[in-house]
Amino acid sequence: MKYLEEGKVLIKAIHQMHQIGLIYLKSGNLSVRTPDNHVLIKPSGCSYEGIREEDLSLVNLRGEQVGGKLPPSSETPMHTMIYKAFPDVNAIVHTHSPYAIICSITGTEIPVFCNESLEVGGKIPVSEYGLPGTMEIGNRAIEVLKGPPAVKVAILKNHGAIAIGADMEEACRLAQIIEKLCMIFTKAKALGPVTTIADAQVKEIKETYMKKGM
């Protein structure tokens, strides 16, 4: 395999996300950009159990398959469009995780309500609906990721969640935080009104507490 290191990184991330339940059966998809601007992506219709490096699909930024025996994920257009729109993004994690989907079907934006919210940069916005597997959903994702303000995470309306990162480690970490914040917010709302953190308090936290590390 030409992109041996990138393939290992992607397979490790796929197994990690599968083990913690953020991706399951055949839903969701992950990808990584290669040094020569190609994209390794999870193949279409492939179960996460037992997936290997040789199962991965390779596409160019036009979405054309240039390597791998299996067809690429149906969400390849969204991935390649994001890579073209964000040159500093090298990994994408798209999940259909349960609490993210709950927020996606209710159009629930996640406000800043605890320090962990600041790890994703602030509130988690919800995109407009885009038909899965098309350029439309790619455009919708890019619109909300570019902001303002620009973000690295978003909830995709009636679909799931997406996290982008400079590397796969960052994208996976953000994907986990999305699901946790969606879960906490959803359960908290069931108990009553949720107290959020005001903008002035967010600024104060960023200037003091966040500098020390969480």
N, C-alpha and C. Protein backbone atom coordinates (compact mmCIF):
# COMPACT_ATOMS: atom_id res chain seq x y z
N MET A 1 0.84 -1.19 0.00
CA MET A 1 0.00 0.00 0.00
C MET A 1 0.88 1.25 0.00
N LYS A 2 0.62 2.20 -0.92
CA LYS A 2 1.46 3.38 -1.06
C LYS A 2 1.43 4.26 0.18
N TYR A 3 0.26 4.51 0.71
CA TYR A 3 0.12 5.41 1.86
C TYR A 3 0.02 4.58 3.13
N LEU A 4 1.10 3.92 3.45
CA LEU A 4 1.10 2.98 4.58
C LEU A 4 0.83 3.66 5.90
N GLU A 5 1.54 4.76 6.16
CA GLU A 5 1.39 5.44 7.44
C GLU A 5 -0.01 6.04 7.59
N GLU A 6 -0.51 6.68 6.53
CA GLU A 6 -1.85 7.27 6.57
C GLU A 6 -2.91 6.19 6.75
N GLY A 7 -2.70 5.04 6.10
CA GLY A 7 -3.64 3.94 6.23
C GLY A 7 -3.70 3.42 7.65
N LYS A 8 -2.55 3.31 8.30
CA LYS A 8 -2.50 2.85 9.69
C LYS A 8 -3.23 3.83 10.61
N VAL A 9 -3.01 5.12 10.38
CA VAL A 9 -3.66 6.15 11.19
C VAL A 9 -5.18 6.08 11.04
N LEU A 10 -5.65 5.91 9.81
CA LEU A 10 -7.09 5.87 9.56
C LEU A 10 -7.73 4.62 10.15
N ILE A 11 -7.10 3.47 9.97
CA ILE A 11 -7.65 2.23 10.52
C ILE A 11 -7.68 2.27 12.04
N LYS A 12 -6.63 2.80 12.65
CA LYS A 12 -6.60 2.92 14.11
C LYS A 12 -7.75 3.80 14.60
N ALA A 13 -7.99 4.91 13.90
CA ALA A 13 -9.07 5.82 14.28
C ALA A 13 -10.43 5.16 14.09
N ILE A 14 -10.60 4.43 13.00
CA ILE A 14 -11.86 3.73 12.74
C ILE A 14 -12.15 2.75 13.85
N HIS A 15 -11.15 1.97 14.24
CA HIS A 15 -11.35 0.98 15.31
C HIS A 15 -11.64 1.67 16.64
N GLN A 16 -10.97 2.78 16.91
CA GLN A 16 -11.20 3.51 18.15
C GLN A 16 -12.63 4.06 18.21
N MET A 17 -13.06 4.71 17.15
CA MET A 17 -14.41 5.28 17.13
C MET A 17 -15.48 4.19 17.19
N HIS A 18 -15.18 3.03 16.58
CA HIS A 18 -16.13 1.91 16.61
C HIS A 18 -16.23 1.33 18.02
N GLN A 19 -15.10 1.18 18.68
CA GLN A 19 -15.08 0.59 20.02
C GLN A 19 -15.84 1.43 21.03
N ILE A 20 -15.81 2.75 20.88
CA ILE A 20 -16.52 3.60 21.84
C ILE A 20 -17.93 3.94 21.38
N GLY A 21 -18.34 3.38 20.24
CA GLY A 21 -19.73 3.49 19.81
C GLY A 21 -20.11 4.74 19.03
N LEU A 22 -19.13 5.54 18.60
CA LEU A 22 -19.47 6.73 17.82
C LEU A 22 -19.79 6.39 16.37
N ILE A 23 -19.23 5.30 15.88
CA ILE A 23 -19.62 4.76 14.58
C ILE A 23 -20.01 3.31 14.80
N TYR A 24 -20.95 2.81 14.04
CA TYR A 24 -21.44 1.45 14.25
C TYR A 24 -22.03 0.90 12.96
N LEU A 25 -22.10 -0.42 12.87
CA LEU A 25 -22.56 -1.10 11.66
C LEU A 25 -21.84 -0.53 10.44
N LYS A 26 -22.55 0.19 9.56
CA LYS A 26 -21.91 0.78 8.39
C LYS A 26 -22.08 2.30 8.34
N SER A 27 -22.57 2.88 9.43
CA SER A 27 -22.88 4.32 9.44
C SER A 27 -21.67 5.16 9.79
N GLY A 28 -21.67 6.39 9.27
CA GLY A 28 -20.57 7.29 9.53
C GLY A 28 -19.39 7.00 8.61
N ASN A 29 -18.42 7.88 8.60
CA ASN A 29 -17.23 7.66 7.78
C ASN A 29 -16.09 8.57 8.22
N LEU A 30 -14.88 8.09 8.04
CA LEU A 30 -13.68 8.82 8.39
C LEU A 30 -12.77 8.89 7.17
N SER A 31 -11.96 9.94 7.12
CA SER A 31 -11.01 10.06 6.03
C SER A 31 -9.78 10.82 6.49
N VAL A 32 -8.70 10.69 5.72
CA VAL A 32 -7.46 11.40 6.01
C VAL A 32 -6.84 11.87 4.70
N ARG A 33 -6.26 13.05 4.72
CA ARG A 33 -5.60 13.59 3.54
C ARG A 33 -4.17 13.03 3.48
N THR A 34 -3.71 12.70 2.29
CA THR A 34 -2.34 12.22 2.10
C THR A 34 -1.42 13.40 1.78
N PRO A 35 -0.11 13.22 1.89
CA PRO A 35 0.82 14.33 1.61
C PRO A 35 0.72 14.89 0.20
N ASP A 36 0.29 14.06 -0.76
CA ASP A 36 0.18 14.55 -2.14
C ASP A 36 -1.26 14.93 -2.50
N ASN A 37 -2.04 15.25 -1.47
CA ASN A 37 -3.39 15.80 -1.65
C ASN A 37 -4.39 14.82 -2.25
N HIS A 38 -4.28 13.56 -1.88
CA HIS A 38 -5.32 12.58 -2.15
C HIS A 38 -6.04 12.30 -0.83
N VAL A 39 -7.09 11.50 -0.87
CA VAL A 39 -7.87 11.22 0.32
C VAL A 39 -8.08 9.72 0.49
N LEU A 40 -7.65 9.20 1.63
CA LEU A 40 -7.97 7.82 2.01
C LEU A 40 -9.26 7.88 2.80
N ILE A 41 -10.23 7.04 2.43
CA ILE A 41 -11.55 7.11 3.06
C ILE A 41 -12.13 5.72 3.26
N LYS A 42 -12.98 5.61 4.24
CA LYS A 42 -13.67 4.34 4.51
C LYS A 42 -14.51 3.95 3.29
N PRO A 43 -14.44 2.70 2.87
CA PRO A 43 -15.21 2.28 1.69
C PRO A 43 -16.71 2.21 1.95
N SER A 44 -17.48 2.29 0.91
CA SER A 44 -18.93 2.26 1.00
C SER A 44 -19.44 0.88 1.39
N GLY A 45 -20.43 0.87 2.28
CA GLY A 45 -21.11 -0.37 2.64
C GLY A 45 -20.25 -1.39 3.35
N CYS A 46 -19.13 -0.96 3.90
CA CYS A 46 -18.20 -1.88 4.56
C CYS A 46 -18.41 -1.81 6.07
N SER A 47 -18.59 -2.96 6.70
CA SER A 47 -18.75 -3.01 8.14
C SER A 47 -17.44 -2.63 8.82
N TYR A 48 -17.53 -2.02 9.98
CA TYR A 48 -16.32 -1.60 10.68
C TYR A 48 -15.57 -2.77 11.31
N GLU A 49 -16.27 -3.84 11.56
CA GLU A 49 -15.62 -4.99 12.18
C GLU A 49 -14.71 -5.67 11.17
N GLY A 50 -13.45 -5.75 11.50
CA GLY A 50 -12.50 -6.46 10.64
C GLY A 50 -11.98 -5.65 9.48
N ILE A 51 -12.30 -4.37 9.39
CA ILE A 51 -11.82 -3.57 8.27
C ILE A 51 -10.29 -3.45 8.35
N ARG A 52 -9.64 -3.53 7.19
CA ARG A 52 -8.18 -3.52 7.12
C ARG A 52 -7.70 -2.38 6.21
N GLU A 53 -6.41 -2.13 6.26
CA GLU A 53 -5.84 -1.05 5.46
C GLU A 53 -6.08 -1.28 3.97
N GLU A 54 -5.99 -2.53 3.53
CA GLU A 54 -6.19 -2.82 2.11
C GLU A 54 -7.64 -2.64 1.66
N ASP A 55 -8.56 -2.46 2.61
CA ASP A 55 -9.97 -2.23 2.27
C ASP A 55 -10.26 -0.75 1.97
N LEU A 56 -9.36 0.13 2.35
CA LEU A 56 -9.60 1.57 2.20
C LEU A 56 -9.64 1.98 0.74
N SER A 57 -10.40 3.03 0.48
CA SER A 57 -10.50 3.58 -0.87
C SER A 57 -9.66 4.84 -0.96
N LEU A 58 -9.11 5.08 -2.14
CA LEU A 58 -8.31 6.28 -2.38
C LEU A 58 -8.96 7.09 -3.49
N VAL A 59 -9.19 8.38 -3.21
CA VAL A 59 -9.78 9.26 -4.21
C VAL A 59 -8.94 10.52 -4.34
N ASN A 60 -9.10 11.21 -5.46
CA ASN A 60 -8.48 12.53 -5.59
C ASN A 60 -9.48 13.58 -5.11
N LEU A 61 -9.09 14.84 -5.13
CA LEU A 61 -9.96 15.89 -4.59
C LEU A 61 -11.16 16.18 -5.48
N ARG A 62 -11.22 15.55 -6.66
CA ARG A 62 -12.43 15.64 -7.49
C ARG A 62 -13.40 14.51 -7.15
N GLY A 63 -12.99 13.64 -6.21
CA GLY A 63 -13.84 12.55 -5.79
C GLY A 63 -13.73 11.31 -6.66
N GLU A 64 -12.78 11.30 -7.57
CA GLU A 64 -12.60 10.16 -8.47
C GLU A 64 -11.74 9.10 -7.80
N GLN A 65 -12.17 7.87 -7.83
CA GLN A 65 -11.42 6.80 -7.20
C GLN A 65 -10.16 6.50 -8.01
N VAL A 66 -9.02 6.50 -7.33
CA VAL A 66 -7.75 6.24 -7.99
C VAL A 66 -6.99 5.09 -7.34
N GLY A 67 -7.60 4.45 -6.34
CA GLY A 67 -6.97 3.34 -5.66
C GLY A 67 -7.93 2.61 -4.76
N GLY A 68 -7.60 1.35 -4.45
CA GLY A 68 -8.46 0.54 -3.60
C GLY A 68 -9.41 -0.30 -4.42
N LYS A 69 -9.75 -1.46 -3.92
CA LYS A 69 -10.64 -2.37 -4.63
C LYS A 69 -12.12 -2.08 -4.38
N LEU A 70 -12.42 -1.46 -3.24
CA LEU A 70 -13.81 -1.20 -2.87
C LEU A 70 -14.19 0.24 -3.21
N PRO A 71 -15.46 0.50 -3.54
CA PRO A 71 -15.89 1.87 -3.84
C PRO A 71 -15.83 2.74 -2.59
N PRO A 72 -15.53 4.03 -2.76
CA PRO A 72 -15.43 4.91 -1.60
C PRO A 72 -16.79 5.21 -0.98
N SER A 73 -16.76 5.71 0.23
CA SER A 73 -17.98 6.08 0.96
C SER A 73 -18.89 6.96 0.12
N SER A 74 -20.19 6.78 0.33
CA SER A 74 -21.17 7.62 -0.38
C SER A 74 -21.02 9.10 -0.01
N GLU A 75 -20.39 9.37 1.13
CA GLU A 75 -20.21 10.75 1.56
C GLU A 75 -18.88 11.34 1.08
N THR A 76 -18.24 10.69 0.11
CA THR A 76 -16.98 11.20 -0.43
C THR A 76 -17.08 12.65 -0.91
N PRO A 77 -18.18 13.05 -1.59
CA PRO A 77 -18.26 14.45 -2.03
C PRO A 77 -18.12 15.45 -0.88
N MET A 78 -18.74 15.16 0.27
CA MET A 78 -18.63 16.07 1.41
C MET A 78 -17.19 16.14 1.89
N HIS A 79 -16.52 15.01 1.98
CA HIS A 79 -15.14 14.98 2.46
C HIS A 79 -14.21 15.75 1.53
N THR A 80 -14.28 15.47 0.24
CA THR A 80 -13.36 16.13 -0.70
C THR A 80 -13.63 17.63 -0.78
N MET A 81 -14.90 18.02 -0.70
CA MET A 81 -15.22 19.45 -0.73
C MET A 81 -14.65 20.17 0.49
N ILE A 82 -14.70 19.52 1.64
CA ILE A 82 -14.16 20.13 2.86
C ILE A 82 -12.64 20.26 2.75
N TYR A 83 -11.98 19.24 2.23
CA TYR A 83 -10.52 19.32 2.08
C TYR A 83 -10.13 20.45 1.13
N LYS A 84 -10.90 20.64 0.08
CA LYS A 84 -10.61 21.72 -0.86
C LYS A 84 -10.86 23.09 -0.22
N ALA A 85 -11.89 23.17 0.62
CA ALA A 85 -12.25 24.44 1.25
C ALA A 85 -11.33 24.82 2.41
N PHE A 86 -10.73 23.82 3.04
CA PHE A 86 -9.89 24.04 4.22
C PHE A 86 -8.53 23.37 4.02
N PRO A 87 -7.56 24.07 3.46
CA PRO A 87 -6.24 23.48 3.18
C PRO A 87 -5.51 22.97 4.42
N ASP A 88 -5.85 23.50 5.60
CA ASP A 88 -5.17 23.08 6.82
C ASP A 88 -5.85 21.88 7.50
N VAL A 89 -6.93 21.40 6.92
CA VAL A 89 -7.62 20.22 7.47
C VAL A 89 -7.05 18.97 6.83
N ASN A 90 -6.66 18.02 7.66
CA ASN A 90 -6.06 16.78 7.17
C ASN A 90 -6.80 15.53 7.62
N ALA A 91 -7.89 15.70 8.37
CA ALA A 91 -8.66 14.55 8.82
C ALA A 91 -10.11 14.96 9.09
N ILE A 92 -11.02 14.05 8.78
CA ILE A 92 -12.45 14.30 8.98
C ILE A 92 -13.09 13.08 9.64
N VAL A 93 -13.89 13.34 10.66
CA VAL A 93 -14.66 12.27 11.31
C VAL A 93 -16.14 12.66 11.24
N HIS A 94 -16.92 11.85 10.55
CA HIS A 94 -18.36 12.08 10.44
C HIS A 94 -19.08 10.92 11.11
N THR A 95 -19.90 11.22 12.11
CA THR A 95 -20.58 10.18 12.87
C THR A 95 -22.10 10.32 12.79
N HIS A 96 -22.75 9.19 13.06
CA HIS A 96 -24.20 9.16 13.24
C HIS A 96 -24.48 8.78 14.69
N SER A 97 -23.69 9.36 15.59
CA SER A 97 -23.79 9.00 17.00
C SER A 97 -25.15 9.45 17.55
N PRO A 98 -25.71 8.68 18.49
CA PRO A 98 -27.10 8.86 18.93
C PRO A 98 -27.48 10.27 19.40
N TYR A 99 -26.71 10.85 20.32
CA TYR A 99 -27.11 12.15 20.85
C TYR A 99 -26.91 13.27 19.83
N ALA A 100 -25.92 13.12 18.97
CA ALA A 100 -25.74 14.10 17.90
C ALA A 100 -26.94 14.06 16.95
N ILE A 101 -27.44 12.86 16.69
CA ILE A 101 -28.61 12.73 15.82
C ILE A 101 -29.84 13.32 16.48
N ILE A 102 -29.98 13.11 17.79
CA ILE A 102 -31.11 13.71 18.52
C ILE A 102 -31.09 15.23 18.33
N CYS A 103 -29.93 15.82 18.48
CA CYS A 103 -29.82 17.27 18.31
C CYS A 103 -30.01 17.68 16.85
N SER A 104 -29.60 16.80 15.93
CA SER A 104 -29.72 17.14 14.51
C SER A 104 -31.18 17.14 14.06
N ILE A 105 -31.99 16.24 14.59
CA ILE A 105 -33.38 16.16 14.13
C ILE A 105 -34.27 17.18 14.84
N THR A 106 -33.77 17.74 15.95
CA THR A 106 -34.52 18.79 16.64
C THR A 106 -33.95 20.17 16.32
N GLY A 107 -32.87 20.20 15.54
CA GLY A 107 -32.25 21.47 15.20
C GLY A 107 -31.67 22.18 16.41
N THR A 108 -31.15 21.41 17.34
CA THR A 108 -30.68 21.96 18.62
C THR A 108 -29.22 22.35 18.56
N GLU A 109 -28.96 23.62 18.58
CA GLU A 109 -27.59 24.13 18.67
C GLU A 109 -27.12 23.97 20.11
N ILE A 110 -25.87 23.57 20.29
CA ILE A 110 -25.34 23.34 21.64
C ILE A 110 -24.60 24.59 22.12
N PRO A 111 -25.14 25.28 23.12
CA PRO A 111 -24.50 26.51 23.62
C PRO A 111 -23.30 26.19 24.50
N VAL A 112 -22.61 27.22 24.90
CA VAL A 112 -21.50 27.05 25.85
C VAL A 112 -22.09 26.96 27.25
N PHE A 113 -21.94 25.80 27.88
CA PHE A 113 -22.51 25.64 29.22
C PHE A 113 -21.51 25.07 30.22
N CYS A 114 -20.32 24.72 29.79
CA CYS A 114 -19.28 24.24 30.70
C CYS A 114 -17.92 24.44 30.02
N ASN A 115 -16.85 24.24 30.78
CA ASN A 115 -15.51 24.48 30.23
C ASN A 115 -15.21 23.61 29.02
N GLU A 116 -15.75 22.41 29.00
CA GLU A 116 -15.47 21.51 27.87
C GLU A 116 -16.01 22.07 26.56
N SER A 117 -17.02 22.91 26.63
CA SER A 117 -17.54 23.54 25.42
C SER A 117 -16.46 24.34 24.71
N LEU A 118 -15.53 24.89 25.49
CA LEU A 118 -14.49 25.72 24.92
C LEU A 118 -13.45 24.89 24.17
N GLU A 119 -13.40 23.59 24.43
CA GLU A 119 -12.47 22.73 23.70
C GLU A 119 -12.86 22.60 22.23
N VAL A 120 -14.13 22.81 21.93
CA VAL A 120 -14.55 22.79 20.52
C VAL A 120 -14.67 24.21 19.98
N GLY A 121 -14.24 25.20 20.78
CA GLY A 121 -14.22 26.57 20.31
C GLY A 121 -15.43 27.40 20.70
N GLY A 122 -16.40 26.80 21.34
CA GLY A 122 -17.62 27.52 21.72
C GLY A 122 -18.86 26.72 21.41
N LYS A 123 -19.90 27.39 20.96
CA LYS A 123 -21.15 26.69 20.67
C LYS A 123 -20.99 25.78 19.45
N ILE A 124 -21.82 24.75 19.39
CA ILE A 124 -21.82 23.82 18.25
C ILE A 124 -23.03 24.16 17.39
N PRO A 125 -22.81 24.67 16.18
CA PRO A 125 -23.92 25.09 15.33
C PRO A 125 -24.56 23.91 14.59
N VAL A 126 -25.73 24.17 14.04
CA VAL A 126 -26.46 23.18 13.23
C VAL A 126 -26.52 23.69 11.80
N SER A 127 -26.16 22.84 10.84
CA SER A 127 -26.20 23.24 9.44
C SER A 127 -27.63 23.19 8.90
N GLU A 128 -27.83 23.76 7.74
CA GLU A 128 -29.07 23.55 7.00
C GLU A 128 -29.04 22.12 6.45
N TYR A 129 -30.21 21.58 6.11
CA TYR A 129 -30.28 20.21 5.62
C TYR A 129 -29.67 20.11 4.22
N GLY A 130 -28.94 19.04 4.00
CA GLY A 130 -28.39 18.73 2.69
C GLY A 130 -28.60 17.26 2.40
N LEU A 131 -28.93 16.94 1.18
CA LEU A 131 -29.18 15.54 0.81
C LEU A 131 -27.90 14.73 0.97
N PRO A 132 -27.93 13.64 1.75
CA PRO A 132 -26.74 12.82 1.96
C PRO A 132 -26.14 12.32 0.65
N GLY A 133 -24.82 12.27 0.61
CA GLY A 133 -24.13 11.73 -0.55
C GLY A 133 -24.03 12.68 -1.73
N THR A 134 -24.38 13.94 -1.52
CA THR A 134 -24.37 14.91 -2.62
C THR A 134 -23.46 16.09 -2.29
N MET A 135 -23.24 16.92 -3.31
CA MET A 135 -22.47 18.15 -3.09
C MET A 135 -23.25 19.11 -2.20
N GLU A 136 -24.57 18.97 -2.17
CA GLU A 136 -25.40 19.86 -1.35
C GLU A 136 -25.01 19.77 0.11
N ILE A 137 -24.86 18.55 0.63
CA ILE A 137 -24.52 18.43 2.05
C ILE A 137 -23.10 18.91 2.30
N GLY A 138 -22.24 18.77 1.29
CA GLY A 138 -20.90 19.31 1.41
C GLY A 138 -20.93 20.82 1.55
N ASN A 139 -21.73 21.46 0.72
CA ASN A 139 -21.87 22.92 0.79
C ASN A 139 -22.46 23.37 2.11
N ARG A 140 -23.46 22.64 2.60
CA ARG A 140 -24.08 22.99 3.89
C ARG A 140 -23.08 22.87 5.03
N ALA A 141 -22.27 21.80 4.99
CA ALA A 141 -21.26 21.61 6.04
C ALA A 141 -20.23 22.73 6.00
N ILE A 142 -19.77 23.07 4.81
CA ILE A 142 -18.75 24.11 4.65
C ILE A 142 -19.29 25.46 5.13
N GLU A 143 -20.53 25.77 4.81
CA GLU A 143 -21.15 27.04 5.22
C GLU A 143 -21.08 27.21 6.73
N VAL A 144 -21.45 26.17 7.45
CA VAL A 144 -21.51 26.30 8.91
C VAL A 144 -20.12 26.22 9.53
N LEU A 145 -19.21 25.45 8.92
CA LEU A 145 -17.85 25.35 9.45
C LEU A 145 -17.09 26.66 9.26
N LYS A 146 -17.36 27.36 8.16
CA LYS A 146 -16.69 28.64 7.91
C LYS A 146 -17.25 29.76 8.77
N GLY A 147 -18.49 29.59 9.26
CA GLY A 147 -19.08 30.58 10.14
C GLY A 147 -19.56 31.82 9.41
N PRO A 148 -19.53 32.98 10.06
CA PRO A 148 -18.80 33.22 11.30
C PRO A 148 -19.60 32.82 12.54
N PRO A 149 -18.89 32.44 13.64
CA PRO A 149 -17.43 32.26 13.66
C PRO A 149 -17.05 30.92 13.04
N ALA A 150 -15.81 30.80 12.59
CA ALA A 150 -15.31 29.54 12.05
C ALA A 150 -15.23 28.50 13.16
N VAL A 151 -15.63 27.28 12.86
CA VAL A 151 -15.63 26.21 13.86
C VAL A 151 -15.04 24.94 13.25
N LYS A 152 -14.68 24.00 14.10
CA LYS A 152 -14.16 22.72 13.64
C LYS A 152 -15.14 21.59 13.86
N VAL A 153 -16.30 21.92 14.41
CA VAL A 153 -17.32 20.90 14.67
C VAL A 153 -18.68 21.46 14.29
N ALA A 154 -19.57 20.56 13.89
CA ALA A 154 -20.93 20.99 13.57
C ALA A 154 -21.87 19.80 13.63
N ILE A 155 -23.14 20.13 13.84
CA ILE A 155 -24.21 19.14 13.75
C ILE A 155 -24.84 19.30 12.38
N LEU A 156 -24.98 18.20 11.65
CA LEU A 156 -25.57 18.22 10.31
C LEU A 156 -27.06 17.92 10.43
N LYS A 157 -27.89 18.84 10.00
CA LYS A 157 -29.34 18.72 10.17
C LYS A 157 -29.87 17.39 9.67
N ASN A 158 -30.62 16.71 10.55
CA ASN A 158 -31.23 15.41 10.25
C ASN A 158 -30.23 14.38 9.72
N HIS A 159 -29.01 14.45 10.27
CA HIS A 159 -27.98 13.54 9.74
C HIS A 159 -27.03 13.03 10.80
N GLY A 160 -26.34 13.93 11.49
CA GLY A 160 -25.33 13.48 12.45
C GLY A 160 -24.40 14.61 12.82
N ALA A 161 -23.11 14.30 12.94
CA ALA A 161 -22.14 15.31 13.34
C ALA A 161 -20.87 15.18 12.52
N ILE A 162 -20.10 16.27 12.48
CA ILE A 162 -18.84 16.25 11.75
C ILE A 162 -17.79 17.01 12.54
N ALA A 163 -16.56 16.47 12.53
CA ALA A 163 -15.43 17.12 13.17
C ALA A 163 -14.27 17.12 12.20
N ILE A 164 -13.58 18.26 12.09
CA ILE A 164 -12.42 18.36 11.22
C ILE A 164 -11.21 18.71 12.06
N GLY A 165 -10.03 18.28 11.60
CA GLY A 165 -8.84 18.56 12.39
C GLY A 165 -7.58 18.65 11.56
N ALA A 166 -6.56 19.22 12.17
CA ALA A 166 -5.25 19.29 11.51
C ALA A 166 -4.67 17.90 11.36
N ASP A 167 -5.09 16.99 12.23
CA ASP A 167 -4.69 15.58 12.13
C ASP A 167 -5.83 14.73 12.67
N MET A 168 -5.67 13.42 12.54
CA MET A 168 -6.75 12.51 12.95
C MET A 168 -6.96 12.52 14.45
N GLU A 169 -5.91 12.72 15.20
CA GLU A 169 -6.05 12.77 16.66
C GLU A 169 -6.99 13.89 17.07
N GLU A 170 -6.82 15.05 16.46
CA GLU A 170 -7.68 16.19 16.79
C GLU A 170 -9.12 15.93 16.35
N ALA A 171 -9.31 15.42 15.15
CA ALA A 171 -10.66 15.17 14.64
C ALA A 171 -11.39 14.15 15.52
N CYS A 172 -10.71 13.11 15.94
CA CYS A 172 -11.33 12.09 16.81
C CYS A 172 -11.67 12.67 18.18
N ARG A 173 -10.78 13.47 18.72
CA ARG A 173 -11.04 14.07 20.03
C ARG A 173 -12.27 14.98 19.97
N LEU A 174 -12.35 15.79 18.92
CA LEU A 174 -13.48 16.69 18.78
C LEU A 174 -14.79 15.93 18.57
N ALA A 175 -14.73 14.82 17.81
CA ALA A 175 -15.93 14.01 17.58
C ALA A 175 -16.46 13.44 18.89
N GLN A 176 -15.55 13.05 19.78
CA GLN A 176 -15.97 12.53 21.08
C GLN A 176 -16.58 13.63 21.95
N ILE A 177 -16.01 14.82 21.89
CA ILE A 177 -16.54 15.94 22.68
C ILE A 177 -17.92 16.34 22.19
N ILE A 178 -18.13 16.34 20.87
CA ILE A 178 -19.46 16.66 20.33
C ILE A 178 -20.52 15.77 20.96
N GLU A 179 -20.27 14.46 20.91
CA GLU A 179 -21.27 13.52 21.42
C GLU A 179 -21.51 13.71 22.91
N LYS A 180 -20.43 13.96 23.67
CA LYS A 180 -20.57 14.13 25.11
C LYS A 180 -21.38 15.38 25.43
N LEU A 181 -21.08 16.49 24.74
CA LEU A 181 -21.81 17.72 24.99
C LEU A 181 -23.28 17.61 24.57
N CYS A 182 -23.53 16.93 23.45
CA CYS A 182 -24.91 16.71 23.03
C CYS A 182 -25.67 15.87 24.06
N MET A 183 -25.00 14.86 24.60
CA MET A 183 -25.63 14.00 25.61
C MET A 183 -25.96 14.79 26.87
N ILE A 184 -24.98 15.54 27.37
CA ILE A 184 -25.19 16.30 28.60
C ILE A 184 -26.30 17.33 28.42
N PHE A 185 -26.27 18.06 27.31
CA PHE A 185 -27.25 19.10 27.08
C PHE A 185 -28.66 18.52 26.94
N THR A 186 -28.76 17.41 26.21
CA THR A 186 -30.07 16.77 26.01
C THR A 186 -30.66 16.30 27.34
N LYS A 187 -29.84 15.68 28.17
CA LYS A 187 -30.33 15.18 29.46
C LYS A 187 -30.62 16.33 30.42
N ALA A 188 -29.81 17.37 30.37
CA ALA A 188 -30.03 18.52 31.25
C ALA A 188 -31.34 19.22 30.91
N LYS A 189 -31.63 19.36 29.63
CA LYS A 189 -32.88 20.02 29.21
C LYS A 189 -34.10 19.25 29.68
N ALA A 190 -33.95 17.93 29.81
CA ALA A 190 -35.07 17.12 30.28
C ALA A 190 -35.39 17.39 31.75
N LEU A 191 -34.40 17.91 32.47
CA LEU A 191 -34.59 18.20 33.90
C LEU A 191 -35.09 19.61 34.14
N GLY A 192 -34.84 20.50 33.17
CA GLY A 192 -35.29 21.88 33.35
C GLY A 192 -34.45 22.83 32.53
N PRO A 193 -34.60 24.14 32.77
CA PRO A 193 -33.83 25.14 32.03
C PRO A 193 -32.33 24.94 32.22
N VAL A 194 -31.58 25.20 31.16
CA VAL A 194 -30.13 25.04 31.21
C VAL A 194 -29.47 26.41 31.34
N THR A 195 -28.58 26.53 32.30
CA THR A 195 -27.83 27.76 32.48
C THR A 195 -26.60 27.74 31.58
N THR A 196 -26.47 28.74 30.73
CA THR A 196 -25.32 28.81 29.83
C THR A 196 -24.30 29.83 30.35
N ILE A 197 -23.13 29.82 29.75
CA ILE A 197 -22.06 30.73 30.15
C ILE A 197 -22.09 31.95 29.24
N ALA A 198 -22.16 33.11 29.83
CA ALA A 198 -22.24 34.37 29.07
C ALA A 198 -20.94 34.64 28.33
N ASP A 199 -21.03 35.44 27.28
CA ASP A 199 -19.86 35.74 26.46
C ASP A 199 -18.72 36.33 27.28
N ALA A 200 -19.05 37.20 28.22
CA ALA A 200 -18.01 37.81 29.06
C ALA A 200 -17.31 36.76 29.91
N GLN A 201 -18.09 35.80 30.40
CA GLN A 201 -17.51 34.73 31.19
C GLN A 201 -16.65 33.80 30.33
N VAL A 202 -17.09 33.57 29.09
CA VAL A 202 -16.31 32.75 28.16
C VAL A 202 -14.95 33.39 27.92
N LYS A 203 -14.94 34.70 27.71
CA LYS A 203 -13.69 35.43 27.49
C LYS A 203 -12.78 35.30 28.70
N GLU A 204 -13.37 35.41 29.88
CA GLU A 204 -12.58 35.31 31.12
C GLU A 204 -11.97 33.93 31.27
N ILE A 205 -12.75 32.90 30.96
CA ILE A 205 -12.25 31.53 31.06
C ILE A 205 -11.09 31.31 30.09
N LYS A 206 -11.25 31.81 28.86
CA LYS A 206 -10.19 31.65 27.86
C LYS A 206 -8.91 32.35 28.27
N GLU A 207 -9.06 33.50 28.94
CA GLU A 207 -7.89 34.30 29.31
C GLU A 207 -7.19 33.78 30.55
N THR A 208 -7.89 33.00 31.36
CA THR A 208 -7.28 32.54 32.61
C THR A 208 -7.19 31.02 32.67
N TYR A 209 -8.33 30.40 32.90
CA TYR A 209 -8.35 28.94 33.13
C TYR A 209 -7.81 28.14 31.96
N MET A 210 -8.23 28.46 30.72
CA MET A 210 -7.83 27.66 29.56
C MET A 210 -6.32 27.74 29.31
N LYS A 211 -5.69 28.85 29.69
CA LYS A 211 -4.25 28.99 29.50
C LYS A 211 -3.47 27.99 30.36
N LYS A 212 -4.07 27.61 31.48
CA LYS A 212 -3.41 26.66 32.39
C LYS A 212 -3.62 25.22 31.96
N GLY A 213 -4.54 25.01 31.01
CA GLY A 213 -4.83 23.64 30.59
C GLY A 213 -5.96 23.08 31.39
N MET A 214 -6.74 22.18 30.76
CA MET A 214 -7.89 21.63 31.46
C MET A 214 -7.57 20.26 32.03
